[in-house]
């Protein structure tokens, strides 16, 4: 995907792991003059061969562009690199695509703003190979004015999903972990099923098509579940939590009888039992959200 502006914004990319290299490459393909820096200069060779300029220091890299993208190992590395350059951020927009927590995002935003820089926190929901294509989803949160100023350049990273979430800097990190939790839940459910069927001699490859159809069915339910959660009303449109709980008992029993770990289904069953105890036995499955909203250990 190319996003060539008539007057493309110069961009700096700090951090050239696989993702950082992909980010720099996407900016170059979008026609943006791109400066890069990495602790290990050898990692810059590929993007330099594509036309990027290699800064001889992180300070020179920041000074080279009004838009500075950081993608390093963690927030500790972000501050180790940029804290000594605080005053150099004045008038620039720092976009931090480093994975972390919402609290870290908000703290880093306050630090950048104290030095006169605009700060956007971001999250990349894509593999490096997808950066710059319609498949990449990049989330941004922070000042709307900063996002709008550089939206065209940021779309070089993934036109299919360059998304602004809101002024709260922590929203990108929160969305990131929410999606990760969803992915792990789907994968764990699939692997639990694989373990069960494997005990009966069924190959995982044979189960995958059926699992895919089941996952697609659940995907189709999400919009209706979301409405129920937002409205705080959980009608049993298909089956009640009592019915779900009975089916959960079957999964626990099958797992135990086949010698397969029953830890995950037992945990899900325990949550459903709590929801029933709270009066949601006749509700639909969306009522389970009330259990996830409770702090750990808050059960009376």
Protein backbone atom coordinates (compact mmCIF):
# COMPACT_ATOMS: atom_id res chain seq x y z
CA UNK A 1 0.00 0.00 0.00
CA UNK A 2 1.30 3.46 -0.87
CA UNK A 3 0.17 6.74 0.65
CA UNK A 4 2.24 9.34 -1.15
CA UNK A 5 1.60 12.94 -0.08
CA UNK A 6 2.33 15.96 -2.25
CA UNK A 7 4.55 17.24 0.57
CA UNK A 8 5.39 14.15 2.63
CA UNK A 9 6.26 14.59 6.31
CA UNK A 10 9.79 13.58 7.31
CA UNK A 11 9.67 10.70 9.79
CA UNK A 12 12.13 9.22 12.26
CA UNK A 13 11.92 5.59 13.36
CA UNK A 14 13.78 4.63 16.55
CA UNK A 15 14.19 0.89 17.09
CA UNK A 16 14.87 -1.47 14.21
CA UNK A 17 13.78 -4.89 15.31
CA UNK A 18 11.63 -6.75 12.80
CA UNK A 19 8.70 -4.45 13.49
CA UNK A 20 10.77 -1.27 13.42
CA UNK A 21 12.27 -2.24 10.08
CA UNK A 22 8.78 -2.89 8.74
CA UNK A 23 7.60 0.53 9.96
CA UNK A 24 10.53 2.32 8.34
CA UNK A 25 10.01 0.42 5.10
CA UNK A 26 6.34 1.42 5.00
CA UNK A 27 7.17 5.10 5.46
CA UNK A 28 9.74 4.89 2.69
CA UNK A 29 7.24 3.28 0.34
CA UNK A 30 4.82 6.07 1.24
CA UNK A 31 7.35 8.62 0.03
CA UNK A 32 8.33 9.98 3.44
CA UNK A 33 11.94 11.05 4.02
CA UNK A 34 12.85 8.57 6.75
CA UNK A 35 15.61 8.73 9.33
CA UNK A 36 16.37 5.67 11.44
CA UNK A 37 18.40 4.84 14.53
CA UNK A 38 19.10 1.63 16.41
CA UNK A 39 21.58 0.65 19.11
CA UNK A 40 23.01 -1.93 16.72
CA UNK A 41 23.62 -0.04 13.49
CA UNK A 42 23.85 -3.23 11.44
CA UNK A 43 20.09 -3.66 11.78
CA UNK A 44 19.63 -0.49 9.74
CA UNK A 45 21.35 -1.88 6.65
CA UNK A 46 18.21 -3.09 4.90
CA UNK A 47 16.20 0.13 5.30
CA UNK A 48 19.23 2.26 4.52
CA UNK A 49 19.59 0.33 1.25
CA UNK A 50 15.96 1.29 0.57
CA UNK A 51 16.70 4.99 1.04
CA UNK A 52 16.53 5.69 4.78
CA UNK A 53 19.07 7.95 6.42
CA UNK A 54 20.98 6.54 9.39
CA UNK A 55 21.42 8.97 12.29
CA UNK A 56 24.64 8.68 14.25
CA UNK A 57 22.86 9.17 17.59
CA UNK A 58 19.37 8.98 19.01
CA UNK A 59 19.48 12.73 19.54
CA UNK A 60 20.26 13.34 15.89
CA UNK A 61 17.43 10.99 14.95
CA UNK A 62 14.91 12.95 17.03
CA UNK A 63 16.16 16.26 15.64
CA UNK A 64 15.76 15.06 12.05
CA UNK A 65 11.95 14.91 11.90
CA UNK A 66 8.79 16.50 13.28
CA UNK A 67 7.25 13.01 13.60
CA UNK A 68 9.19 10.52 15.73
CA UNK A 69 8.12 6.88 15.91
CA UNK A 70 9.48 4.70 18.72
CA UNK A 71 9.20 0.91 18.68
CA UNK A 72 11.54 -0.71 21.19
CA UNK A 73 11.45 -3.56 23.70
CA UNK A 74 9.58 -1.85 26.55
CA UNK A 75 8.84 1.49 28.19
CA UNK A 76 12.02 1.27 30.23
CA UNK A 77 13.98 1.34 26.98
CA UNK A 78 11.86 4.26 25.74
CA UNK A 79 12.79 6.35 28.76
CA UNK A 80 16.41 5.25 28.78
CA UNK A 81 16.76 6.53 25.22
CA UNK A 82 14.61 9.65 25.33
CA UNK A 83 14.73 11.00 28.88
CA UNK A 84 18.12 12.68 28.28
CA UNK A 85 16.63 14.37 25.17
CA UNK A 86 13.50 15.78 26.79
CA UNK A 87 13.93 19.37 25.62
CA UNK A 88 14.56 18.17 22.04
CA UNK A 89 10.96 16.92 21.89
CA UNK A 90 9.53 20.46 21.97
CA UNK A 91 7.33 21.02 18.94
CA UNK A 92 7.53 17.40 17.79
CA UNK A 93 5.02 14.57 17.85
CA UNK A 94 6.21 11.38 19.51
CA UNK A 95 4.30 8.23 18.54
CA UNK A 96 5.16 5.36 20.86
CA UNK A 97 4.34 1.97 19.35
CA UNK A 98 6.07 0.07 22.15
CA UNK A 99 3.91 -2.47 23.98
CA UNK A 100 3.09 -1.61 27.60
CA UNK A 101 0.30 -0.78 30.01
CA UNK A 102 -2.22 2.05 30.04
CA UNK A 103 -0.57 3.50 33.16
CA UNK A 104 2.81 3.58 31.41
CA UNK A 105 1.22 5.28 28.41
CA UNK A 106 -0.34 8.01 30.53
CA UNK A 107 2.86 8.57 32.52
CA UNK A 108 4.94 8.82 29.35
CA UNK A 109 2.43 11.24 27.86
CA UNK A 110 2.79 13.51 30.88
CA UNK A 111 6.57 13.36 30.56
CA UNK A 112 6.52 14.27 26.86
CA UNK A 113 4.04 17.08 27.34
CA UNK A 114 6.15 18.61 30.12
CA UNK A 115 8.90 19.02 27.51
CA UNK A 116 6.51 20.60 25.01
CA UNK A 117 6.06 17.57 22.78
CA UNK A 118 2.79 16.06 21.60
CA UNK A 119 2.42 12.38 22.46
CA UNK A 120 0.40 9.61 20.85
CA UNK A 121 0.45 6.13 22.28
CA UNK A 122 -0.16 3.31 19.87
CA UNK A 123 -0.58 -0.42 19.48
CA UNK A 124 0.20 -2.58 16.47
CA UNK A 125 -2.24 -5.41 15.83
CA UNK A 126 -0.30 -6.98 12.98
CA UNK A 127 2.77 -9.02 12.16
CA UNK A 128 5.72 -7.18 10.57
CA UNK A 129 4.93 -8.59 7.13
CA UNK A 130 1.50 -6.93 7.18
CA UNK A 131 2.74 -3.41 7.95
CA UNK A 132 1.91 -1.03 5.13
CA UNK A 133 -0.92 -3.20 3.82
CA UNK A 134 -4.67 -3.16 4.24
CA UNK A 135 -4.35 -6.02 6.76
CA UNK A 136 -2.47 -3.99 9.36
CA UNK A 137 -4.44 -2.48 12.23
CA UNK A 138 -2.66 0.33 14.09
CA UNK A 139 -4.34 1.94 17.09
CA UNK A 140 -3.60 5.48 18.31
CA UNK A 141 -4.72 7.44 21.35
CA UNK A 142 -3.87 10.92 22.62
CA UNK A 143 -4.52 14.48 21.42
CA UNK A 144 -6.81 14.55 18.40
CA UNK A 145 -4.89 17.51 17.02
CA UNK A 146 -1.64 15.53 16.98
CA UNK A 147 -3.29 12.57 15.25
CA UNK A 148 -4.98 14.74 12.64
CA UNK A 149 -1.73 16.57 11.92
CA UNK A 150 0.04 13.32 11.03
CA UNK A 151 -2.85 11.06 10.02
CA UNK A 152 -1.77 10.94 6.40
CA UNK A 153 1.76 9.81 7.29
CA UNK A 154 0.49 7.30 9.85
CA UNK A 155 -1.78 5.75 7.24
CA UNK A 156 1.37 4.60 5.47
CA UNK A 157 1.63 1.96 8.19
CA UNK A 158 -1.70 0.33 7.46
CA UNK A 159 -4.55 1.90 5.57
CA UNK A 160 -6.89 -0.89 6.56
CA UNK A 161 -7.04 0.07 10.20
CA UNK A 162 -5.19 3.20 11.26
CA UNK A 163 -7.62 4.04 14.02
CA UNK A 164 -7.91 6.94 16.43
CA UNK A 165 -9.48 5.83 19.72
CA UNK A 166 -9.69 9.01 21.77
CA UNK A 167 -7.89 11.54 23.92
CA UNK A 168 -7.06 9.11 26.75
CA UNK A 169 -3.49 7.98 26.07
CA UNK A 170 -4.16 4.64 27.75
CA UNK A 171 -6.82 3.48 25.30
CA UNK A 172 -4.41 1.92 22.80
CA UNK A 173 -2.78 -0.29 25.43
CA UNK A 174 -6.17 -1.29 26.84
CA UNK A 175 -7.50 -2.25 23.41
CA UNK A 176 -4.29 -4.15 22.71
CA UNK A 177 -4.55 -6.38 25.79
CA UNK A 178 -8.30 -6.81 25.27
CA UNK A 179 -7.70 -8.19 21.79
CA UNK A 180 -4.84 -10.37 23.03
CA UNK A 181 -7.09 -11.80 25.73
CA UNK A 182 -9.70 -12.59 23.08
CA UNK A 183 -7.12 -14.30 20.87
CA UNK A 184 -5.75 -16.41 23.72
CA UNK A 185 -9.25 -17.43 24.76
CA UNK A 186 -10.06 -18.62 21.24
CA UNK A 187 -6.75 -20.45 20.89
CA UNK A 188 -7.01 -22.03 24.34
CA UNK A 189 -10.52 -23.25 23.57
CA UNK A 190 -9.30 -24.74 20.30
CA UNK A 191 -6.35 -26.47 21.98
CA UNK A 192 -8.59 -27.83 24.74
CA UNK A 193 -10.76 -29.35 22.03
CA UNK A 194 -7.71 -30.71 20.23
CA UNK A 195 -6.58 -32.40 23.44
CA UNK A 196 -10.00 -33.96 23.98
CA UNK A 197 -10.31 -35.26 20.44
CA UNK A 198 -6.70 -36.39 20.40
CA UNK A 199 -7.52 -38.75 23.26
CA UNK A 200 -9.92 -40.44 20.84
CA UNK A 201 -7.35 -40.54 18.05
CA UNK A 202 -8.69 -37.55 16.09
CA UNK A 203 -6.03 -35.37 14.46
CA UNK A 204 -6.02 -31.63 15.13
CA UNK A 205 -6.12 -30.99 11.36
CA UNK A 206 -9.41 -32.88 11.15
CA UNK A 207 -10.93 -30.70 13.89
CA UNK A 208 -9.71 -27.36 12.52
CA UNK A 209 -12.46 -26.82 9.88
CA UNK A 210 -15.24 -27.47 12.41
CA UNK A 211 -13.49 -25.23 14.95
CA UNK A 212 -13.29 -22.49 12.34
CA UNK A 213 -17.01 -22.67 11.66
CA UNK A 214 -17.74 -22.61 15.37
CA UNK A 215 -15.53 -19.56 15.84
CA UNK A 216 -17.27 -17.79 12.95
CA UNK A 217 -20.64 -18.48 14.56
CA UNK A 218 -19.49 -16.90 17.81
CA UNK A 219 -18.11 -13.92 15.88
CA UNK A 220 -21.59 -13.33 14.49
CA UNK A 221 -22.95 -13.11 18.04
CA UNK A 222 -20.60 -10.37 19.22
CA UNK A 223 -22.57 -7.33 18.06
CA UNK A 224 -25.74 -8.52 19.83
CA UNK A 225 -23.76 -9.37 22.98
CA UNK A 226 -22.20 -5.92 22.91
CA UNK A 227 -25.62 -4.28 22.81
CA UNK A 228 -26.75 -6.34 25.79
CA UNK A 229 -23.66 -5.40 27.77
CA UNK A 230 -24.03 -1.69 26.97
CA UNK A 231 -27.71 -1.79 27.91
CA UNK A 232 -27.11 -3.86 31.05
CA UNK A 233 -29.83 -6.31 30.05
CA UNK A 234 -29.10 -9.98 29.27
CA UNK A 235 -32.13 -11.71 27.73
CA UNK A 236 -31.69 -15.42 26.99
CA UNK A 237 -32.18 -15.30 23.24
CA UNK A 238 -30.86 -18.81 22.65
CA UNK A 239 -30.17 -20.52 25.97
CA UNK A 240 -29.94 -19.57 29.62
CA UNK A 241 -26.88 -19.66 31.84
CA UNK A 242 -28.44 -22.68 33.56
CA UNK A 243 -28.31 -24.49 30.21
CA UNK A 244 -24.75 -23.36 29.53
CA UNK A 245 -23.74 -24.57 32.98
CA UNK A 246 -25.07 -28.04 32.24
CA UNK A 247 -23.00 -28.17 29.04
CA UNK A 248 -19.95 -27.01 30.97
CA UNK A 249 -20.39 -29.97 33.31
CA UNK A 250 -20.15 -32.27 30.27
CA UNK A 251 -16.87 -30.64 29.17
CA UNK A 252 -15.38 -30.96 32.65
CA UNK A 253 -16.49 -34.60 32.92
CA UNK A 254 -15.13 -35.51 29.48
CA UNK A 255 -11.80 -33.86 30.23
CA UNK A 256 -11.44 -35.64 33.57
CA UNK A 257 -12.51 -39.04 32.23
CA UNK A 258 -10.10 -38.85 29.27
CA UNK A 259 -7.15 -37.77 31.38
CA UNK A 260 -7.04 -34.31 29.78
CA UNK A 261 -6.49 -31.17 31.84
CA UNK A 262 -9.79 -29.87 33.17
CA UNK A 263 -8.36 -26.67 34.69
CA UNK A 264 -9.70 -24.31 32.05
CA UNK A 265 -13.24 -25.74 31.83
CA UNK A 266 -13.41 -25.92 35.64
CA UNK A 267 -12.54 -22.24 35.86
CA UNK A 268 -15.17 -21.28 33.30
CA UNK A 269 -17.70 -23.45 35.14
CA UNK A 270 -16.84 -21.71 38.42
CA UNK A 271 -17.49 -18.30 36.86
CA UNK A 272 -20.84 -19.49 35.50
CA UNK A 273 -21.78 -20.89 38.92
CA UNK A 274 -21.04 -17.51 40.48
CA UNK A 275 -23.21 -15.79 37.87
CA UNK A 276 -26.05 -18.19 38.65
CA UNK A 277 -25.58 -17.58 42.38
CA UNK A 278 -25.87 -13.85 41.66
CA UNK A 279 -29.31 -14.41 40.14
CA UNK A 280 -28.45 -14.76 36.46
CA UNK A 281 -29.43 -18.39 35.98
CA UNK A 282 -32.24 -17.36 33.63
CA UNK A 283 -30.13 -14.75 31.83
CA UNK A 284 -28.25 -15.11 28.58
CA UNK A 285 -24.51 -15.73 28.46
CA UNK A 286 -23.68 -12.02 28.20
CA UNK A 287 -24.47 -11.76 31.92
CA UNK A 288 -21.06 -13.34 32.53
CA UNK A 289 -19.58 -9.88 31.99
CA UNK A 290 -20.61 -9.04 35.54
CA UNK A 291 -18.13 -11.67 36.80
CA UNK A 292 -15.29 -10.28 34.69
CA UNK A 293 -15.97 -6.78 36.01
CA UNK A 294 -15.28 -7.83 39.59
CA UNK A 295 -11.76 -7.44 41.01
CA UNK A 296 -10.00 -10.70 41.78
CA UNK A 297 -10.86 -11.83 45.28
CA UNK A 298 -13.95 -9.61 45.46
CA UNK A 299 -16.31 -12.56 45.81
CA UNK A 300 -18.26 -12.13 49.11
